[in-house]
Amino acid sequence: MVPAALAAEIARTAGVPVIGIGAGVGCSGQVLVLHDMLDITPGRQPRFVKNFLQRGAGSVQEAIRRYVAEVKAQTFPQDDLHGY
């Protein structure tokens, strides 16, 4: 949960993989808790959460596949929707 530009700079200079959560696509990888990805966590969700099950996935497996595909394509997270 740091600004995407800062996370990208850290990832570029750290010399080790940097995994982000709400820190933009400039990180080496992303993490999203399964319960958040499937929208089964009660209460208000943090900004970096995206419900992949709701987005037309017919199963938990498909929701996970969509998450992986979007991370690899660098379409998730989107700075304006999921970043800080």
PDB file of N, CA and C in Angstrom:
ATOM      1  N   MET A   1       0.829  -1.183   0.000  1.00  0.00           N
ATOM      2  CA  MET A   1       0.000   0.000   0.000  1.00  0.00           C
ATOM      3  C   MET A   1       0.873   1.246   0.000  1.00  0.00           C
ATOM      4  N   VAL A   2       1.707   1.342  -1.009  1.00  0.00           N
ATOM      5  CA  VAL A   2       2.501   2.548  -1.221  1.00  0.00           C
ATOM      6  C   VAL A   2       2.200   3.048  -2.629  1.00  0.00           C
ATOM      7  N   PRO A   3       2.491   4.307  -2.915  1.00  0.00           N
ATOM      8  CA  PRO A   3       2.250   4.806  -4.264  1.00  0.00           C
ATOM      9  C   PRO A   3       2.990   3.980  -5.314  1.00  0.00           C
ATOM     10  N   ALA A   4       2.349   3.780  -6.460  1.00  0.00           N
ATOM     11  CA  ALA A   4       2.893   2.926  -7.510  1.00  0.00           C
ATOM     12  C   ALA A   4       4.271   3.386  -7.980  1.00  0.00           C
ATOM     13  N   ALA A   5       4.473   4.683  -8.095  1.00  0.00           N
ATOM     14  CA  ALA A   5       5.772   5.191  -8.560  1.00  0.00           C
ATOM     15  C   ALA A   5       6.879   4.828  -7.577  1.00  0.00           C
ATOM     16  N   LEU A   6       6.611   4.937  -6.290  1.00  0.00           N
ATOM     17  CA  LEU A   6       7.597   4.575  -5.275  1.00  0.00           C
ATOM     18  C   LEU A   6       7.871   3.074  -5.302  1.00  0.00           C
ATOM     19  N   ALA A   7       6.836   2.267  -5.406  1.00  0.00           N
ATOM     20  CA  ALA A   7       7.010   0.814  -5.450  1.00  0.00           C
ATOM     21  C   ALA A   7       7.826   0.405  -6.675  1.00  0.00           C
ATOM     22  N   ALA A   8       7.573   1.029  -7.820  1.00  0.00           N
ATOM     23  CA  ALA A   8       8.328   0.716  -9.035  1.00  0.00           C
ATOM     24  C   ALA A   8       9.796   1.070  -8.863  1.00  0.00           C
ATOM     25  N   GLU A   9      10.078   2.202  -8.243  1.00  0.00           N
ATOM     26  CA  GLU A   9      11.466   2.611  -8.004  1.00  0.00           C
ATOM     27  C   GLU A   9      12.162   1.631  -7.055  1.00  0.00           C
ATOM     28  N   ILE A  10      11.488   1.217  -6.019  1.00  0.00           N
ATOM     29  CA  ILE A  10      12.057   0.233  -5.088  1.00  0.00           C
ATOM     30  C   ILE A  10      12.332  -1.071  -5.815  1.00  0.00           C
ATOM     31  N   ALA A  11      11.377  -1.538  -6.622  1.00  0.00           N
ATOM     32  CA  ALA A  11      11.547  -2.789  -7.367  1.00  0.00           C
ATOM     33  C   ALA A  11      12.711  -2.689  -8.353  1.00  0.00           C
ATOM     34  N   ARG A  12      12.885  -1.520  -8.954  1.00  0.00           N
ATOM     35  CA  ARG A  12      13.950  -1.307  -9.932  1.00  0.00           C
ATOM     36  C   ARG A  12      15.329  -1.312  -9.278  1.00  0.00           C
ATOM     37  N   THR A  13      15.419  -0.841  -8.048  1.00  0.00           N
ATOM     38  CA  THR A  13      16.725  -0.654  -7.416  1.00  0.00           C
ATOM     39  C   THR A  13      17.053  -1.639  -6.302  1.00  0.00           C
ATOM     40  N   ALA A  14      16.096  -2.412  -5.838  1.00  0.00           N
ATOM     41  CA  ALA A  14      16.302  -3.262  -4.661  1.00  0.00           C
ATOM     42  C   ALA A  14      17.229  -4.448  -4.912  1.00  0.00           C
ATOM     43  N   GLY A  15      17.241  -4.954  -6.130  1.00  0.00           N
ATOM     44  CA  GLY A  15      18.084  -6.109  -6.413  1.00  0.00           C
ATOM     45  C   GLY A  15      17.488  -7.430  -5.963  1.00  0.00           C
ATOM     46  N   VAL A  16      16.265  -7.392  -5.474  1.00  0.00           N
ATOM     47  CA  VAL A  16      15.530  -8.594  -5.060  1.00  0.00           C
ATOM     48  C   VAL A  16      14.091  -8.441  -5.540  1.00  0.00           C
ATOM     49  N   PRO A  17      13.361  -9.539  -5.700  1.00  0.00           N
ATOM     50  CA  PRO A  17      11.955  -9.414  -6.084  1.00  0.00           C
ATOM     51  C   PRO A  17      11.157  -8.634  -5.040  1.00  0.00           C
ATOM     52  N   VAL A  18      10.284  -7.769  -5.507  1.00  0.00           N
ATOM     53  CA  VAL A  18       9.426  -6.964  -4.639  1.00  0.00           C
ATOM     54  C   VAL A  18       7.983  -7.336  -4.960  1.00  0.00           C
ATOM     55  N   ILE A  19       7.271  -7.839  -3.964  1.00  0.00           N
ATOM     56  CA  ILE A  19       5.886  -8.259  -4.137  1.00  0.00           C
ATOM     57  C   ILE A  19       4.983  -7.167  -3.578  1.00  0.00           C
ATOM     58  N   GLY A  20       4.000  -6.750  -4.376  1.00  0.00           N
ATOM     59  CA  GLY A  20       3.130  -5.656  -3.978  1.00  0.00           C
ATOM     60  C   GLY A  20       1.726  -6.109  -3.638  1.00  0.00           C
ATOM     61  N   ILE A  21       1.082  -5.292  -2.834  1.00  0.00           N
ATOM     62  CA  ILE A  21      -0.352  -5.421  -2.581  1.00  0.00           C
ATOM     63  C   ILE A  21      -0.879  -3.988  -2.539  1.00  0.00           C
ATOM     64  N   GLY A  22      -1.500  -3.588  -3.634  1.00  0.00           N
ATOM     65  CA  GLY A  22      -1.946  -2.206  -3.754  1.00  0.00           C
ATOM     66  C   GLY A  22      -0.817  -1.253  -4.076  1.00  0.00           C
ATOM     67  N   ALA A  23       0.251  -1.768  -4.711  1.00  0.00           N
ATOM     68  CA  ALA A  23       1.421  -0.935  -4.975  1.00  0.00           C
ATOM     69  C   ALA A  23       1.754  -0.839  -6.463  1.00  0.00           C
ATOM     70  N   GLY A  24       0.853  -1.209  -7.332  1.00  0.00           N
ATOM     71  CA  GLY A  24       1.047  -1.035  -8.763  1.00  0.00           C
ATOM     72  C   GLY A  24       1.763  -2.167  -9.465  1.00  0.00           C
ATOM     73  N   VAL A  25       1.732  -2.113 -10.793  1.00  0.00           N
ATOM     74  CA  VAL A  25       2.289  -3.179 -11.625  1.00  0.00           C
ATOM     75  C   VAL A  25       3.805  -3.117 -11.744  1.00  0.00           C
ATOM     76  N   GLY A  26       4.439  -2.090 -11.205  1.00  0.00           N
ATOM     77  CA  GLY A  26       5.888  -1.984 -11.250  1.00  0.00           C
ATOM     78  C   GLY A  26       6.603  -2.934 -10.322  1.00  0.00           C
ATOM     79  N   CYS A  27       5.860  -3.625  -9.475  1.00  0.00           N
ATOM     80  CA  CYS A  27       6.449  -4.620  -8.578  1.00  0.00           C
ATOM     81  C   CYS A  27       6.743  -5.904  -9.354  1.00  0.00           C
ATOM     82  N   SER A  28       7.560  -6.753  -8.774  1.00  0.00           N
ATOM     83  CA  SER A  28       7.923  -8.026  -9.419  1.00  0.00           C
ATOM     84  C   SER A  28       6.746  -8.990  -9.451  1.00  0.00           C
ATOM     85  N   GLY A  29       5.832  -8.861  -8.534  1.00  0.00           N
ATOM     86  CA  GLY A  29       4.666  -9.734  -8.453  1.00  0.00           C
ATOM     87  C   GLY A  29       3.615  -9.100  -7.572  1.00  0.00           C
ATOM     88  N   GLN A  30       2.473  -9.772  -7.472  1.00  0.00           N
ATOM     89  CA  GLN A  30       1.343  -9.262  -6.688  1.00  0.00           C
ATOM     90  C   GLN A  30       0.858 -10.342  -5.730  1.00  0.00           C
ATOM     91  N   VAL A  31       0.264  -9.907  -4.642  1.00  0.00           N
ATOM     92  CA  VAL A  31      -0.390 -10.826  -3.719  1.00  0.00           C
ATOM     93  C   VAL A  31      -1.787 -10.283  -3.445  1.00  0.00           C
ATOM     94  N   LEU A  32      -2.746 -11.176  -3.384  1.00  0.00           N
ATOM     95  CA  LEU A  32      -4.109 -10.817  -3.016  1.00  0.00           C
ATOM     96  C   LEU A  32      -4.684 -12.001  -2.257  1.00  0.00           C
ATOM     97  N   VAL A  33      -5.149 -11.766  -1.055  1.00  0.00           N
ATOM     98  CA  VAL A  33      -5.696 -12.825  -0.209  1.00  0.00           C
ATOM     99  C   VAL A  33      -6.910 -13.455  -0.899  1.00  0.00           C
ATOM    100  N   LEU A  34      -6.967 -14.781  -0.913  1.00  0.00           N
ATOM    101  CA  LEU A  34      -8.037 -15.499  -1.594  1.00  0.00           C
ATOM    102  C   LEU A  34      -9.416 -15.033  -1.144  1.00  0.00           C
ATOM    103  N   HIS A  35      -9.601 -14.834   0.142  1.00  0.00           N
ATOM    104  CA  HIS A  35     -10.908 -14.401   0.646  1.00  0.00           C
ATOM    105  C   HIS A  35     -11.292 -13.032   0.084  1.00  0.00           C
ATOM    106  N   ASP A  36     -10.315 -12.164  -0.114  1.00  0.00           N
ATOM    107  CA  ASP A  36     -10.591 -10.856  -0.720  1.00  0.00           C
ATOM    108  C   ASP A  36     -10.904 -11.012  -2.203  1.00  0.00           C
ATOM    109  N   MET A  37     -10.146 -11.854  -2.901  1.00  0.00           N
ATOM    110  CA  MET A  37     -10.326 -12.086  -4.334  1.00  0.00           C
ATOM    111  C   MET A  37     -11.715 -12.637  -4.643  1.00  0.00           C
ATOM    112  N   LEU A  38     -12.274 -13.396  -3.711  1.00  0.00           N
ATOM    113  CA  LEU A  38     -13.585 -14.021  -3.901  1.00  0.00           C
ATOM    114  C   LEU A  38     -14.706 -13.257  -3.199  1.00  0.00           C
ATOM    115  N   ASP A  39     -14.362 -12.137  -2.567  1.00  0.00           N
ATOM    116  CA  ASP A  39     -15.320 -11.275  -1.859  1.00  0.00           C
ATOM    117  C   ASP A  39     -16.075 -12.015  -0.759  1.00  0.00           C
ATOM    118  N   ILE A  40     -15.344 -12.806   0.022  1.00  0.00           N
ATOM    119  CA  ILE A  40     -15.980 -13.498   1.146  1.00  0.00           C
ATOM    120  C   ILE A  40     -15.446 -12.986   2.484  1.00  0.00           C
ATOM    121  N   THR A  41     -14.764 -11.851   2.452  1.00  0.00           N
ATOM    122  CA  THR A  41     -14.318 -11.198   3.675  1.00  0.00           C
ATOM    123  C   THR A  41     -15.376 -10.173   4.058  1.00  0.00           C
ATOM    124  N   PRO A  42     -15.923 -10.265   5.275  1.00  0.00           N
ATOM    125  CA  PRO A  42     -16.963  -9.303   5.658  1.00  0.00           C
ATOM    126  C   PRO A  42     -16.391  -7.904   5.862  1.00  0.00           C
ATOM    127  N   GLY A  43     -17.257  -6.928   5.710  1.00  0.00           N
ATOM    128  CA  GLY A  43     -16.871  -5.549   5.979  1.00  0.00           C
ATOM    129  C   GLY A  43     -16.342  -4.835   4.753  1.00  0.00           C
ATOM    130  N   ARG A  44     -15.882  -3.638   5.003  1.00  0.00           N
ATOM    131  CA  ARG A  44     -15.362  -2.788   3.924  1.00  0.00           C
ATOM    132  C   ARG A  44     -14.025  -3.329   3.427  1.00  0.00           C
ATOM    133  N   GLN A  45     -13.887  -3.390   2.107  1.00  0.00           N
ATOM    134  CA  GLN A  45     -12.671  -3.920   1.505  1.00  0.00           C
ATOM    135  C   GLN A  45     -11.655  -2.806   1.264  1.00  0.00           C
ATOM    136  N   PRO A  46     -10.377  -3.111   1.419  1.00  0.00           N
ATOM    137  CA  PRO A  46      -9.349  -2.131   1.073  1.00  0.00           C
ATOM    138  C   PRO A  46      -9.416  -1.804  -0.419  1.00  0.00           C
ATOM    139  N   ARG A  47      -8.862  -0.689  -0.794  1.00  0.00           N
ATOM    140  CA  ARG A  47      -8.900  -0.228  -2.184  1.00  0.00           C
ATOM    141  C   ARG A  47      -8.240  -1.216  -3.147  1.00  0.00           C
ATOM    142  N   PHE A  48      -7.222  -1.946  -2.702  1.00  0.00           N
ATOM    143  CA  PHE A  48      -6.493  -2.842  -3.604  1.00  0.00           C
ATOM    144  C   PHE A  48      -7.238  -4.135  -3.922  1.00  0.00           C
ATOM    145  N   VAL A  49      -8.378  -4.372  -3.316  1.00  0.00           N
ATOM    146  CA  VAL A  49      -9.139  -5.606  -3.520  1.00  0.00           C
ATOM    147  C   VAL A  49      -9.963  -5.521  -4.803  1.00  0.00           C
ATOM    148  N   LYS A  50      -9.983  -6.625  -5.533  1.00  0.00           N
ATOM    149  CA  LYS A  50     -10.852  -6.774  -6.709  1.00  0.00           C
ATOM    150  C   LYS A  50     -11.524  -8.136  -6.606  1.00  0.00           C
ATOM    151  N   ASN A  51     -12.838  -8.157  -6.769  1.00  0.00           N
ATOM    152  CA  ASN A  51     -13.608  -9.388  -6.693  1.00  0.00           C
ATOM    153  C   ASN A  51     -13.544 -10.096  -8.044  1.00  0.00           C
ATOM    154  N   PHE A  52     -12.674 -11.068  -8.178  1.00  0.00           N
ATOM    155  CA  PHE A  52     -12.512 -11.782  -9.435  1.00  0.00           C
ATOM    156  C   PHE A  52     -13.617 -12.814  -9.654  1.00  0.00           C
ATOM    157  N   LEU A  53     -14.287 -13.243  -8.616  1.00  0.00           N
ATOM    158  CA  LEU A  53     -15.390 -14.188  -8.767  1.00  0.00           C
ATOM    159  C   LEU A  53     -16.606 -13.499  -9.387  1.00  0.00           C
ATOM    160  N   GLN A  54     -16.839 -12.268  -9.008  1.00  0.00           N
ATOM    161  CA  GLN A  54     -17.991 -11.507  -9.496  1.00  0.00           C
ATOM    162  C   GLN A  54     -17.853 -11.167 -10.978  1.00  0.00           C
ATOM    163  N   ARG A  55     -16.682 -11.099 -11.494  1.00  0.00           N
ATOM    164  CA  ARG A  55     -16.427 -10.625 -12.855  1.00  0.00           C
ATOM    165  C   ARG A  55     -16.664 -11.708 -13.908  1.00  0.00           C
ATOM    166  N   GLY A  56     -17.716 -12.509 -13.756  1.00  0.00           N
ATOM    167  CA  GLY A  56     -18.094 -13.476 -14.776  1.00  0.00           C
ATOM    168  C   GLY A  56     -17.465 -14.849 -14.623  1.00  0.00           C
ATOM    169  N   ALA A  57     -16.676 -15.055 -13.590  1.00  0.00           N
ATOM    170  CA  ALA A  57     -16.080 -16.372 -13.375  1.00  0.00           C
ATOM    171  C   ALA A  57     -17.149 -17.304 -12.832  1.00  0.00           C
ATOM    172  N   GLY A  58     -17.224 -18.485 -13.375  1.00  0.00           N
ATOM    173  CA  GLY A  58     -18.231 -19.445 -12.937  1.00  0.00           C
ATOM    174  C   GLY A  58     -17.776 -20.333 -11.803  1.00  0.00           C
ATOM    175  N   SER A  59     -16.504 -20.220 -11.422  1.00  0.00           N
ATOM    176  CA  SER A  59     -15.976 -21.065 -10.354  1.00  0.00           C
ATOM    177  C   SER A  59     -14.810 -20.364  -9.669  1.00  0.00           C
ATOM    178  N   VAL A  60     -14.437 -20.882  -8.524  1.00  0.00           N
ATOM    179  CA  VAL A  60     -13.274 -20.359  -7.808  1.00  0.00           C
ATOM    180  C   VAL A  60     -12.023 -20.526  -8.664  1.00  0.00           C
ATOM    181  N   GLN A  61     -11.884 -21.663  -9.321  1.00  0.00           N
ATOM    182  CA  GLN A  61     -10.717 -21.911 -10.167  1.00  0.00           C
ATOM    183  C   GLN A  61     -10.628 -20.880 -11.287  1.00  0.00           C
ATOM    184  N   GLU A  62     -11.760 -20.560 -11.912  1.00  0.00           N
ATOM    185  CA  GLU A  62     -11.756 -19.559 -12.986  1.00  0.00           C
ATOM    186  C   GLU A  62     -11.410 -18.179 -12.442  1.00  0.00           C
ATOM    187  N   ALA A  63     -11.902 -17.840 -11.258  1.00  0.00           N
ATOM    188  CA  ALA A  63     -11.564 -16.553 -10.641  1.00  0.00           C
ATOM    189  C   ALA A  63     -10.057 -16.459 -10.412  1.00  0.00           C
ATOM    190  N   ILE A  64      -9.445 -17.534  -9.946  1.00  0.00           N
ATOM    191  CA  ILE A  64      -7.998 -17.549  -9.720  1.00  0.00           C
ATOM    192  C   ILE A  64      -7.259 -17.433 -11.050  1.00  0.00           C
ATOM    193  N   ARG A  65      -7.716 -18.139 -12.063  1.00  0.00           N
ATOM    194  CA  ARG A  65      -7.091 -18.038 -13.393  1.00  0.00           C
ATOM    195  C   ARG A  65      -7.144 -16.602 -13.914  1.00  0.00           C
ATOM    196  N   ARG A  66      -8.270 -15.942 -13.707  1.00  0.00           N
ATOM    197  CA  ARG A  66      -8.412 -14.554 -14.152  1.00  0.00           C
ATOM    198  C   ARG A  66      -7.456 -13.637 -13.395  1.00  0.00           C
ATOM    199  N   TYR A  67      -7.324 -13.851 -12.103  1.00  0.00           N
ATOM    200  CA  TYR A  67      -6.376 -13.067 -11.306  1.00  0.00           C
ATOM    201  C   TYR A  67      -4.962 -13.243 -11.848  1.00  0.00           C
ATOM    202  N   VAL A  68      -4.540 -14.485 -12.046  1.00  0.00           N
ATOM    203  CA  VAL A  68      -3.197 -14.769 -12.548  1.00  0.00           C
ATOM    204  C   VAL A  68      -2.995 -14.120 -13.916  1.00  0.00           C
ATOM    205  N   ALA A  69      -3.980 -14.250 -14.795  1.00  0.00           N
ATOM    206  CA  ALA A  69      -3.876 -13.679 -16.141  1.00  0.00           C
ATOM    207  C   ALA A  69      -3.737 -12.160 -16.088  1.00  0.00           C
ATOM    208  N   GLU A  70      -4.509 -11.504 -15.241  1.00  0.00           N
ATOM    209  CA  GLU A  70      -4.441 -10.047 -15.153  1.00  0.00           C
ATOM    210  C   GLU A  70      -3.120  -9.579 -14.555  1.00  0.00           C
ATOM    211  N   VAL A  71      -2.596 -10.311 -13.584  1.00  0.00           N
ATOM    212  CA  VAL A  71      -1.291  -9.945 -13.013  1.00  0.00           C
ATOM    213  C   VAL A  71      -0.210 -10.098 -14.074  1.00  0.00           C
ATOM    214  N   LYS A  72      -0.225 -11.212 -14.806  1.00  0.00           N
ATOM    215  CA  LYS A  72       0.779 -11.437 -15.849  1.00  0.00           C
ATOM    216  C   LYS A  72       0.678 -10.399 -16.963  1.00  0.00           C
ATOM    217  N   ALA A  73      -0.541  -9.999 -17.307  1.00  0.00           N
ATOM    218  CA  ALA A  73      -0.747  -9.000 -18.356  1.00  0.00           C
ATOM    219  C   ALA A  73      -0.540  -7.576 -17.846  1.00  0.00           C
ATOM    220  N   GLN A  74      -0.316  -7.434 -16.561  1.00  0.00           N
ATOM    221  CA  GLN A  74      -0.146  -6.144 -15.887  1.00  0.00           C
ATOM    222  C   GLN A  74      -1.368  -5.239 -16.051  1.00  0.00           C
ATOM    223  N   THR A  75      -2.551  -5.863 -16.050  1.00  0.00           N
ATOM    224  CA  THR A  75      -3.791  -5.094 -16.049  1.00  0.00           C
ATOM    225  C   THR A  75      -4.396  -5.026 -14.649  1.00  0.00           C
ATOM    226  N   PHE A  76      -3.848  -5.773 -13.720  1.00  0.00           N
ATOM    227  CA  PHE A  76      -4.203  -5.692 -12.298  1.00  0.00           C
ATOM    228  C   PHE A  76      -2.916  -5.650 -11.509  1.00  0.00           C
ATOM    229  N   PRO A  77      -2.801  -4.754 -10.584  1.00  0.00           N
ATOM    230  CA  PRO A  77      -3.760  -3.721 -10.187  1.00  0.00           C
ATOM    231  C   PRO A  77      -3.684  -2.502 -11.098  1.00  0.00           C
ATOM    232  N   GLN A  78      -4.781  -1.789 -11.180  1.00  0.00           N
ATOM    233  CA  GLN A  78      -4.830  -0.531 -11.919  1.00  0.00           C
ATOM    234  C   GLN A  78      -4.632   0.599 -10.917  1.00  0.00           C
ATOM    235  N   ASP A  79      -3.703   1.488 -11.202  1.00  0.00           N
ATOM    236  CA  ASP A  79      -3.376   2.562 -10.257  1.00  0.00           C
ATOM    237  C   ASP A  79      -4.601   3.373  -9.832  1.00  0.00           C
ATOM    238  N   ASP A  80      -5.458   3.706 -10.788  1.00  0.00           N
ATOM    239  CA  ASP A  80      -6.596   4.572 -10.479  1.00  0.00           C
ATOM    240  C   ASP A  80      -7.689   3.861  -9.696  1.00  0.00           C
ATOM    241  N   LEU A  81      -7.738   2.528  -9.748  1.00  0.00           N
ATOM    242  CA  LEU A  81      -8.782   1.781  -9.035  1.00  0.00           C
ATOM    243  C   LEU A  81      -8.264   1.091  -7.776  1.00  0.00           C
ATOM    244  N   HIS A  82      -7.053   0.565  -7.824  1.00  0.00           N
ATOM    245  CA  HIS A  82      -6.557  -0.287  -6.738  1.00  0.00           C
ATOM    246  C   HIS A  82      -5.330   0.262  -6.032  1.00  0.00           C
ATOM    247  N   GLY A  83      -4.847   1.421  -6.462  1.00  0.00           N
ATOM    248  CA  GLY A  83      -3.609   1.959  -5.899  1.00  0.00           C
ATOM    249  C   GLY A  83      -3.833   3.061  -4.891  1.00  0.00           C
ATOM    250  N   TYR A  84      -2.712   3.515  -4.342  1.00  0.00           N
ATOM    251  CA  TYR A  84      -2.731   4.583  -3.324  1.00  0.00           C
ATOM    252  C   TYR A  84      -1.821   5.710  -3.739  1.00  0.00           C
TER     253      TYR A  84
END
